[in-house]
């Protein structure tokens, strides 16, 4: 626990220092350096930290040391091609598994930090709390999906810039890292729906759509969820765990609380936002949060299907720097609620829930083990 606490405090402090410095180059450099504490924790860890670390990442690394690129892709044919290529390149350049983990962490976190900094130059340090307490634990486990989600964040940035061709490229890269990132198309559709410049949907309409969505989703989970999982398993062997453990999951209460939390953030934010574009942005981020809470309930079919919710969850975190940038007196309340929920999420999910096997943290390089 101490090593996570030190890394989190260092990361957040560097982000806040970076926004206070008037020199743009120094500020940018500090924002980049801010990921270093988290990358060190990720890179110095033993393979026992992070459920998947000793599985496909280690296997792909060994393949990079003993095979050519084509040989490695054959040996790791059950993994997405871009992930194997990335591990092969990094493995050949460094020859060290810890260095590869360090660099992968940087590739995951830097797009997130730099995109948020570009979009919200005054409010972006707040995202550090979300990254540390919600996102970081998953980056030590589901490396492929986290790499893919970073590409989806880049896709979103291009959508904000109204650059569709680069957005398509980043979506393709995301799918190349993790096939399920095709769900980025749904993120694109939600974006298009929220940023409808012809007219603005009323608050009552949004609330009604959310309620109807909850009802329809619940019916779908109960009636066709297992059949959908069986269908997906026909196309990829990577879902054998989900099939084997079908019926062993349960509803994710933490994410149901996140559903209510997103509604509260949406109501508080709506009071302080005056422009249409700001209200559209709030609707988009909170919609992603609400959808993530609903998709997380696929865990009731099989535990690992909660991963379908992660792209929406990670993108919904952009609402906090957005509100920090644009709200007035409501900013403190939304920030406080956000911080409390992030800590609650970390404790329930990673500490008591044991998700991703973050504890105990051990590092043979540092000669430490923390419970």
Protein backbone atom coordinates (compact mmCIF):
# COMPACT_ATOMS: atom_id res chain seq x y z
CA UNK A 1 0.00 0.00 0.00
CA UNK A 2 2.74 2.59 0.80
CA UNK A 3 4.29 2.37 -2.66
CA UNK A 4 0.94 3.07 -4.33
CA UNK A 5 0.29 5.99 -1.97
CA UNK A 6 3.70 7.54 -2.69
CA UNK A 7 3.26 7.14 -6.44
CA UNK A 8 -0.26 8.60 -6.38
CA UNK A 9 0.75 11.64 -4.32
CA UNK A 10 3.79 12.26 -6.52
CA UNK A 11 1.78 11.98 -9.73
CA UNK A 12 -0.97 14.34 -8.58
CA UNK A 13 1.49 16.85 -7.09
CA UNK A 14 3.48 17.01 -10.35
CA UNK A 15 0.29 17.62 -12.32
CA UNK A 16 -0.71 20.47 -10.02
CA UNK A 17 2.78 21.99 -10.17
CA UNK A 18 2.72 21.80 -13.95
CA UNK A 19 -0.42 23.93 -14.23
CA UNK A 20 1.04 26.61 -11.95
CA UNK A 21 4.16 27.18 -14.06
CA UNK A 22 3.75 29.97 -16.64
CA UNK A 23 6.50 28.68 -18.94
CA UNK A 24 4.66 26.45 -21.43
CA UNK A 25 7.62 24.19 -22.19
CA UNK A 26 8.43 23.57 -18.53
CA UNK A 27 4.74 23.04 -17.79
CA UNK A 28 4.49 20.49 -20.60
CA UNK A 29 7.64 18.72 -19.42
CA UNK A 30 6.30 18.44 -15.87
CA UNK A 31 3.01 17.04 -17.15
CA UNK A 32 4.95 14.36 -19.03
CA UNK A 33 7.20 13.63 -16.05
CA UNK A 34 4.07 13.28 -13.88
CA UNK A 35 3.49 9.78 -15.28
CA UNK A 36 6.96 8.67 -14.14
CA UNK A 37 5.98 7.59 -10.57
CA UNK A 38 3.17 5.40 -11.91
CA UNK A 39 5.39 4.00 -14.67
CA UNK A 40 8.07 3.10 -12.11
CA UNK A 41 5.56 1.22 -9.96
CA UNK A 42 4.36 -0.62 -13.07
CA UNK A 43 7.82 -1.34 -14.41
CA UNK A 44 9.49 -2.46 -11.20
CA UNK A 45 6.74 -4.89 -10.17
CA UNK A 46 7.11 -8.64 -10.16
CA UNK A 47 5.08 -10.71 -12.60
CA UNK A 48 2.82 -11.70 -9.69
CA UNK A 49 1.42 -8.15 -9.50
CA UNK A 50 -1.41 -7.88 -12.00
CA UNK A 51 -3.48 -10.96 -12.77
CA UNK A 52 -2.49 -11.20 -16.44
CA UNK A 53 1.13 -10.04 -16.12
CA UNK A 54 2.58 -13.55 -15.87
CA UNK A 55 0.37 -14.78 -18.72
CA UNK A 56 0.28 -13.27 -22.22
CA UNK A 57 2.60 -10.26 -21.57
CA UNK A 58 5.41 -12.49 -20.31
CA UNK A 59 4.83 -14.98 -23.12
CA UNK A 60 4.95 -12.24 -25.76
CA UNK A 61 8.13 -10.87 -24.21
CA UNK A 62 9.84 -14.28 -24.36
CA UNK A 63 8.69 -14.60 -27.96
CA UNK A 64 10.41 -11.29 -28.75
CA UNK A 65 13.68 -12.64 -27.39
CA UNK A 66 13.72 -15.94 -29.28
CA UNK A 67 11.79 -15.35 -32.49
CA UNK A 68 11.71 -13.03 -35.45
CA UNK A 69 8.71 -10.75 -35.74
CA UNK A 70 6.82 -13.24 -37.91
CA UNK A 71 7.81 -16.07 -35.58
CA UNK A 72 6.62 -14.12 -32.54
CA UNK A 73 3.29 -13.39 -34.21
CA UNK A 74 2.92 -17.10 -34.89
CA UNK A 75 3.86 -18.07 -31.34
CA UNK A 76 1.40 -15.51 -29.95
CA UNK A 77 -1.26 -15.93 -32.61
CA UNK A 78 -4.02 -15.80 -30.00
CA UNK A 79 -3.12 -12.18 -29.22
CA UNK A 80 -3.95 -9.08 -31.26
CA UNK A 81 -1.25 -8.28 -33.86
CA UNK A 82 -0.42 -4.73 -32.76
CA UNK A 83 0.14 -5.87 -29.19
CA UNK A 84 2.56 -8.59 -30.33
CA UNK A 85 4.36 -6.13 -32.62
CA UNK A 86 4.67 -3.56 -29.84
CA UNK A 87 6.02 -6.12 -27.37
CA UNK A 88 8.42 -7.48 -29.99
CA UNK A 89 9.82 -4.01 -30.73
CA UNK A 90 10.10 -3.00 -27.09
CA UNK A 91 11.49 -6.41 -26.13
CA UNK A 92 14.16 -6.24 -28.82
CA UNK A 93 15.09 -2.65 -27.92
CA UNK A 94 15.37 -3.22 -24.18
CA UNK A 95 15.84 -6.96 -23.63
CA UNK A 96 14.19 -6.53 -20.24
CA UNK A 97 10.62 -7.40 -19.22
CA UNK A 98 10.51 -4.67 -16.57
CA UNK A 99 11.55 -2.04 -19.11
CA UNK A 100 8.79 -3.21 -21.45
CA UNK A 101 6.20 -2.90 -18.66
CA UNK A 102 7.51 0.59 -17.86
CA UNK A 103 7.25 1.74 -21.48
CA UNK A 104 3.80 0.18 -21.95
CA UNK A 105 2.56 2.07 -18.90
CA UNK A 106 3.88 5.31 -20.39
CA UNK A 107 2.14 4.56 -23.70
CA UNK A 108 -1.13 4.00 -21.81
CA UNK A 109 -0.98 7.08 -19.57
CA UNK A 110 0.64 9.76 -21.73
CA UNK A 111 -2.16 10.03 -24.34
CA UNK A 112 -4.66 10.42 -21.50
CA UNK A 113 -2.64 13.17 -19.78
CA UNK A 114 -1.75 15.06 -22.95
CA UNK A 115 -5.28 14.95 -24.40
CA UNK A 116 -6.84 16.19 -21.16
CA UNK A 117 -4.17 18.89 -20.87
CA UNK A 118 -4.91 20.03 -24.41
CA UNK A 119 -8.68 20.09 -23.90
CA UNK A 120 -8.70 21.59 -20.39
CA UNK A 121 -5.44 23.48 -19.79
CA UNK A 122 -6.50 24.85 -16.39
CA UNK A 123 -8.53 21.96 -15.01
CA UNK A 124 -6.53 18.94 -16.17
CA UNK A 125 -4.67 18.14 -12.88
CA UNK A 126 -7.95 16.82 -11.43
CA UNK A 127 -7.72 13.86 -13.80
CA UNK A 128 -4.78 12.61 -11.74
CA UNK A 129 -7.16 11.45 -8.99
CA UNK A 130 -9.22 9.48 -11.51
CA UNK A 131 -6.16 7.93 -13.12
CA UNK A 132 -4.64 6.87 -9.80
CA UNK A 133 -7.67 5.50 -8.00
CA UNK A 134 -9.73 4.12 -10.89
CA UNK A 135 -7.61 3.52 -14.01
CA UNK A 136 -4.13 2.66 -12.74
CA UNK A 137 -5.03 -0.66 -11.12
CA UNK A 138 -6.37 -1.97 -14.41
CA UNK A 139 -3.25 -0.90 -16.31
CA UNK A 140 -1.25 -3.39 -14.23
CA UNK A 141 -3.52 -6.19 -15.40
CA UNK A 142 -5.35 -5.77 -18.71
CA UNK A 143 -2.47 -4.23 -20.65
CA UNK A 144 -3.91 -4.90 -24.11
CA UNK A 145 -7.24 -3.28 -23.36
CA UNK A 146 -5.62 -0.30 -21.64
CA UNK A 147 -3.40 0.31 -24.67
CA UNK A 148 -6.49 0.09 -26.86
CA UNK A 149 -8.45 2.47 -24.64
CA UNK A 150 -5.67 5.04 -24.88
CA UNK A 151 -6.14 4.92 -28.64
CA UNK A 152 -9.87 5.47 -28.12
CA UNK A 153 -9.05 8.56 -26.05
CA UNK A 154 -7.01 9.80 -29.00
CA UNK A 155 -9.95 9.01 -31.27
CA UNK A 156 -12.18 11.12 -29.06
CA UNK A 157 -9.71 14.00 -29.20
CA UNK A 158 -9.84 13.91 -32.98
CA UNK A 159 -13.64 13.88 -32.87
CA UNK A 160 -13.55 17.01 -30.74
CA UNK A 161 -11.33 18.56 -33.40
CA UNK A 162 -13.79 17.33 -36.08
CA UNK A 163 -10.99 15.33 -37.75
CA UNK A 164 -12.70 12.14 -38.84
CA UNK A 165 -9.86 10.49 -40.76
CA UNK A 166 -7.40 10.56 -37.81
CA UNK A 167 -10.26 9.38 -35.59
CA UNK A 168 -10.77 6.35 -37.84
CA UNK A 169 -7.02 5.64 -37.72
CA UNK A 170 -6.99 5.66 -33.92
CA UNK A 171 -10.08 3.44 -33.83
CA UNK A 172 -8.30 0.96 -36.10
CA UNK A 173 -5.22 1.07 -33.86
CA UNK A 174 -7.43 0.40 -30.83
CA UNK A 175 -8.95 -2.66 -32.51
CA UNK A 176 -5.42 -3.78 -33.42
CA UNK A 177 -4.55 -3.83 -29.71
CA UNK A 178 -7.81 -5.37 -28.51
CA UNK A 179 -10.64 -6.65 -30.69
CA UNK A 180 -13.37 -5.60 -28.29
CA UNK A 181 -12.36 -1.98 -28.93
CA UNK A 182 -14.68 -2.11 -31.91
CA UNK A 183 -17.08 -0.90 -29.23
CA UNK A 184 -15.43 2.46 -29.95
CA UNK A 185 -18.00 2.75 -32.72
CA UNK A 186 -20.65 3.02 -30.02
CA UNK A 187 -18.63 5.79 -28.35
CA UNK A 188 -18.56 7.56 -31.72
CA UNK A 189 -22.34 7.18 -32.06
CA UNK A 190 -22.90 8.55 -28.55
CA UNK A 191 -20.63 11.48 -29.35
CA UNK A 192 -22.57 12.23 -32.53
CA UNK A 193 -25.87 11.98 -30.67
CA UNK A 194 -24.80 14.31 -27.86
CA UNK A 195 -23.20 16.88 -30.15
CA UNK A 196 -26.22 17.33 -32.36
CA UNK A 197 -25.89 20.97 -33.33
CA UNK A 198 -29.35 21.16 -34.85
CA UNK A 199 -31.10 21.07 -31.51
CA UNK A 200 -30.41 20.42 -27.85
CA UNK A 201 -32.24 17.65 -26.06
CA UNK A 202 -34.02 18.67 -22.90
CA UNK A 203 -32.98 17.38 -19.49
CA UNK A 204 -36.26 15.47 -19.20
CA UNK A 205 -35.58 13.71 -22.50
CA UNK A 206 -32.09 12.66 -21.39
CA UNK A 207 -33.44 11.38 -18.06
CA UNK A 208 -36.23 9.46 -19.81
CA UNK A 209 -33.78 7.89 -22.26
CA UNK A 210 -31.55 6.85 -19.34
CA UNK A 211 -34.46 5.17 -17.54
CA UNK A 212 -35.64 3.38 -20.67
CA UNK A 213 -32.05 2.28 -21.32
CA UNK A 214 -31.79 0.77 -17.85
CA UNK A 215 -35.00 -1.24 -18.33
CA UNK A 216 -34.08 -2.48 -21.80
CA UNK A 217 -30.56 -3.36 -20.69
CA UNK A 218 -31.80 -5.35 -17.70
CA UNK A 219 -34.15 -7.35 -19.93
CA UNK A 220 -31.37 -8.03 -22.45
CA UNK A 221 -28.96 -9.22 -19.75
CA UNK A 222 -31.51 -11.65 -18.35
CA UNK A 223 -32.79 -12.98 -21.67
CA UNK A 224 -29.98 -13.00 -24.23
CA UNK A 225 -26.73 -12.31 -22.36
CA UNK A 226 -25.50 -15.93 -22.20
CA UNK A 227 -26.39 -16.48 -25.87
CA UNK A 228 -24.39 -13.42 -26.90
CA UNK A 229 -21.38 -14.70 -24.98
CA UNK A 230 -21.61 -18.09 -26.68
CA UNK A 231 -21.77 -16.34 -30.06
CA UNK A 232 -18.68 -14.23 -29.33
CA UNK A 233 -16.78 -17.34 -28.24
CA UNK A 234 -17.24 -18.83 -31.71
CA UNK A 235 -15.02 -16.10 -33.17
CA UNK A 236 -12.26 -15.91 -30.57
CA UNK A 237 -10.76 -18.41 -28.13
CA UNK A 238 -9.80 -15.62 -25.72
CA UNK A 239 -13.26 -15.83 -24.18
CA UNK A 240 -12.87 -19.40 -22.92
CA UNK A 241 -12.60 -18.07 -19.35
CA UNK A 242 -15.95 -16.34 -19.68
CA UNK A 243 -17.61 -19.48 -21.02
CA UNK A 244 -16.07 -21.68 -18.33
CA UNK A 245 -17.21 -19.32 -15.58
CA UNK A 246 -20.63 -18.51 -17.03
CA UNK A 247 -23.22 -18.17 -14.30
CA UNK A 248 -20.62 -17.55 -11.60
CA UNK A 249 -20.77 -13.75 -11.68
CA UNK A 250 -22.94 -11.23 -9.87
CA UNK A 251 -24.16 -7.68 -10.29
CA UNK A 252 -21.51 -5.03 -9.72
CA UNK A 253 -22.88 -2.87 -6.90
CA UNK A 254 -19.99 -0.39 -7.08
CA UNK A 255 -20.80 0.43 -10.69
CA UNK A 256 -24.51 0.71 -9.89
CA UNK A 257 -23.50 3.36 -7.36
CA UNK A 258 -21.46 4.97 -10.14
CA UNK A 259 -24.67 5.17 -12.15
CA UNK A 260 -26.27 7.29 -9.41
CA UNK A 261 -23.06 9.25 -9.01
CA UNK A 262 -23.03 10.14 -12.73
CA UNK A 263 -26.62 11.36 -12.49
CA UNK A 264 -25.67 13.55 -9.50
CA UNK A 265 -22.66 14.97 -11.35
CA UNK A 266 -24.84 15.64 -14.38
CA UNK A 267 -27.45 17.52 -12.33
CA UNK A 268 -24.83 19.58 -10.48
CA UNK A 269 -22.91 20.33 -13.66
CA UNK A 270 -26.03 21.34 -15.57
CA UNK A 271 -26.71 24.12 -13.09
CA UNK A 272 -23.38 25.82 -13.67
CA UNK A 273 -22.94 25.45 -17.44
CA UNK A 274 -24.30 28.18 -19.67
CA UNK A 275 -23.27 27.36 -23.26
CA UNK A 276 -24.76 24.66 -25.46
CA UNK A 277 -21.37 23.12 -26.25
CA UNK A 278 -20.62 22.75 -22.54
CA UNK A 279 -23.96 21.07 -21.90
CA UNK A 280 -23.41 18.73 -24.85
CA UNK A 281 -19.97 17.84 -23.48
CA UNK A 282 -21.41 17.12 -20.04
CA UNK A 283 -24.13 14.95 -21.58
CA UNK A 284 -21.52 12.97 -23.52
CA UNK A 285 -19.22 12.28 -20.56
CA UNK A 286 -22.01 11.37 -18.17
CA UNK A 287 -23.64 9.19 -20.82
CA UNK A 288 -20.38 7.25 -21.08
CA UNK A 289 -20.34 6.91 -17.30
CA UNK A 290 -23.93 5.68 -17.19
CA UNK A 291 -23.31 3.19 -20.01
CA UNK A 292 -20.18 1.91 -18.25
CA UNK A 293 -22.23 1.25 -15.11
CA UNK A 294 -24.78 -0.67 -17.16
CA UNK A 295 -22.24 -2.67 -19.17
CA UNK A 296 -20.50 -3.60 -15.91
CA UNK A 297 -23.57 -5.62 -15.04
CA UNK A 298 -22.58 -8.14 -17.71
CA UNK A 299 -20.47 -9.45 -14.85
CA UNK A 300 -23.68 -11.11 -13.70
CA UNK A 301 -23.25 -13.46 -16.67
CA UNK A 302 -19.51 -14.07 -16.28
CA UNK A 303 -17.08 -12.08 -14.07
CA UNK A 304 -14.62 -11.00 -16.75
CA UNK A 305 -17.31 -9.48 -18.97
CA UNK A 306 -17.10 -6.37 -16.82
CA UNK A 307 -14.27 -5.42 -19.17
CA UNK A 308 -16.85 -4.36 -21.74
CA UNK A 309 -17.51 -1.35 -19.53
CA UNK A 310 -13.92 -0.12 -19.24
CA UNK A 311 -13.66 2.04 -22.42
CA UNK A 312 -16.74 3.98 -21.31
CA UNK A 313 -15.54 4.17 -17.71
CA UNK A 314 -12.11 5.51 -18.65
CA UNK A 315 -13.54 8.13 -21.01
CA UNK A 316 -16.17 9.23 -18.49
CA UNK A 317 -13.28 10.35 -16.25
CA UNK A 318 -12.72 13.33 -18.54
CA UNK A 319 -15.82 14.94 -17.03
CA UNK A 320 -13.89 15.93 -13.89
CA UNK A 321 -11.22 18.14 -15.52
CA UNK A 322 -13.97 19.45 -17.81
CA UNK A 323 -16.07 20.56 -14.83
CA UNK A 324 -13.01 21.88 -13.02
CA UNK A 325 -12.31 24.02 -16.06
CA UNK A 326 -15.83 25.34 -16.60
CA UNK A 327 -17.78 25.40 -13.34
CA UNK A 328 -17.92 28.17 -10.78
CA UNK A 329 -19.10 27.62 -7.22
CA UNK A 330 -20.28 24.07 -8.00
CA UNK A 331 -16.71 23.05 -8.83
CA UNK A 332 -15.71 22.36 -5.22
CA UNK A 333 -18.74 20.16 -4.57
CA UNK A 334 -18.34 18.09 -7.74
CA UNK A 335 -14.60 17.76 -7.07
CA UNK A 336 -15.17 16.60 -3.51
CA UNK A 337 -17.81 14.07 -4.58
CA UNK A 338 -15.48 12.82 -7.30
CA UNK A 339 -12.54 12.37 -4.92
CA UNK A 340 -14.68 10.50 -2.38
CA UNK A 341 -16.02 8.16 -5.04
CA UNK A 342 -12.55 7.50 -6.49
CA UNK A 343 -11.18 6.49 -3.09
CA UNK A 344 -14.29 4.39 -2.45
CA UNK A 345 -13.85 2.68 -5.83
CA UNK A 346 -10.17 1.90 -5.18
CA UNK A 347 -10.80 0.49 -1.72
CA UNK A 348 -13.81 -1.63 -2.69
CA UNK A 349 -12.48 -2.84 -6.06
CA UNK A 350 -8.75 -3.30 -5.53
CA UNK A 351 -8.15 -3.47 -1.77
CA UNK A 352 -11.10 -5.49 -0.46
CA UNK A 353 -12.28 -6.91 -3.78
CA UNK A 354 -8.80 -8.08 -4.78
CA UNK A 355 -9.37 -7.15 -8.42
CA UNK A 356 -6.27 -7.29 -10.65
CA UNK A 357 -4.11 -8.75 -7.83
CA UNK A 358 -2.49 -5.44 -6.89
CA UNK A 359 -1.82 -6.69 -3.37
CA UNK A 360 0.62 -7.66 -2.12
CA UNK A 361 2.92 -5.47 -4.19
CA UNK A 362 6.31 -7.09 -4.60
CA UNK A 363 9.45 -6.12 -6.48
CA UNK A 364 12.59 -8.24 -6.61
CA UNK A 365 14.43 -5.27 -8.10
CA UNK A 366 13.59 -3.11 -5.10
CA UNK A 367 13.74 -5.99 -2.65
CA UNK A 368 10.35 -5.12 -1.15
CA UNK A 369 6.96 -6.68 -0.58
CA UNK A 370 4.03 -4.63 0.69
CA UNK A 371 0.78 -6.12 1.85
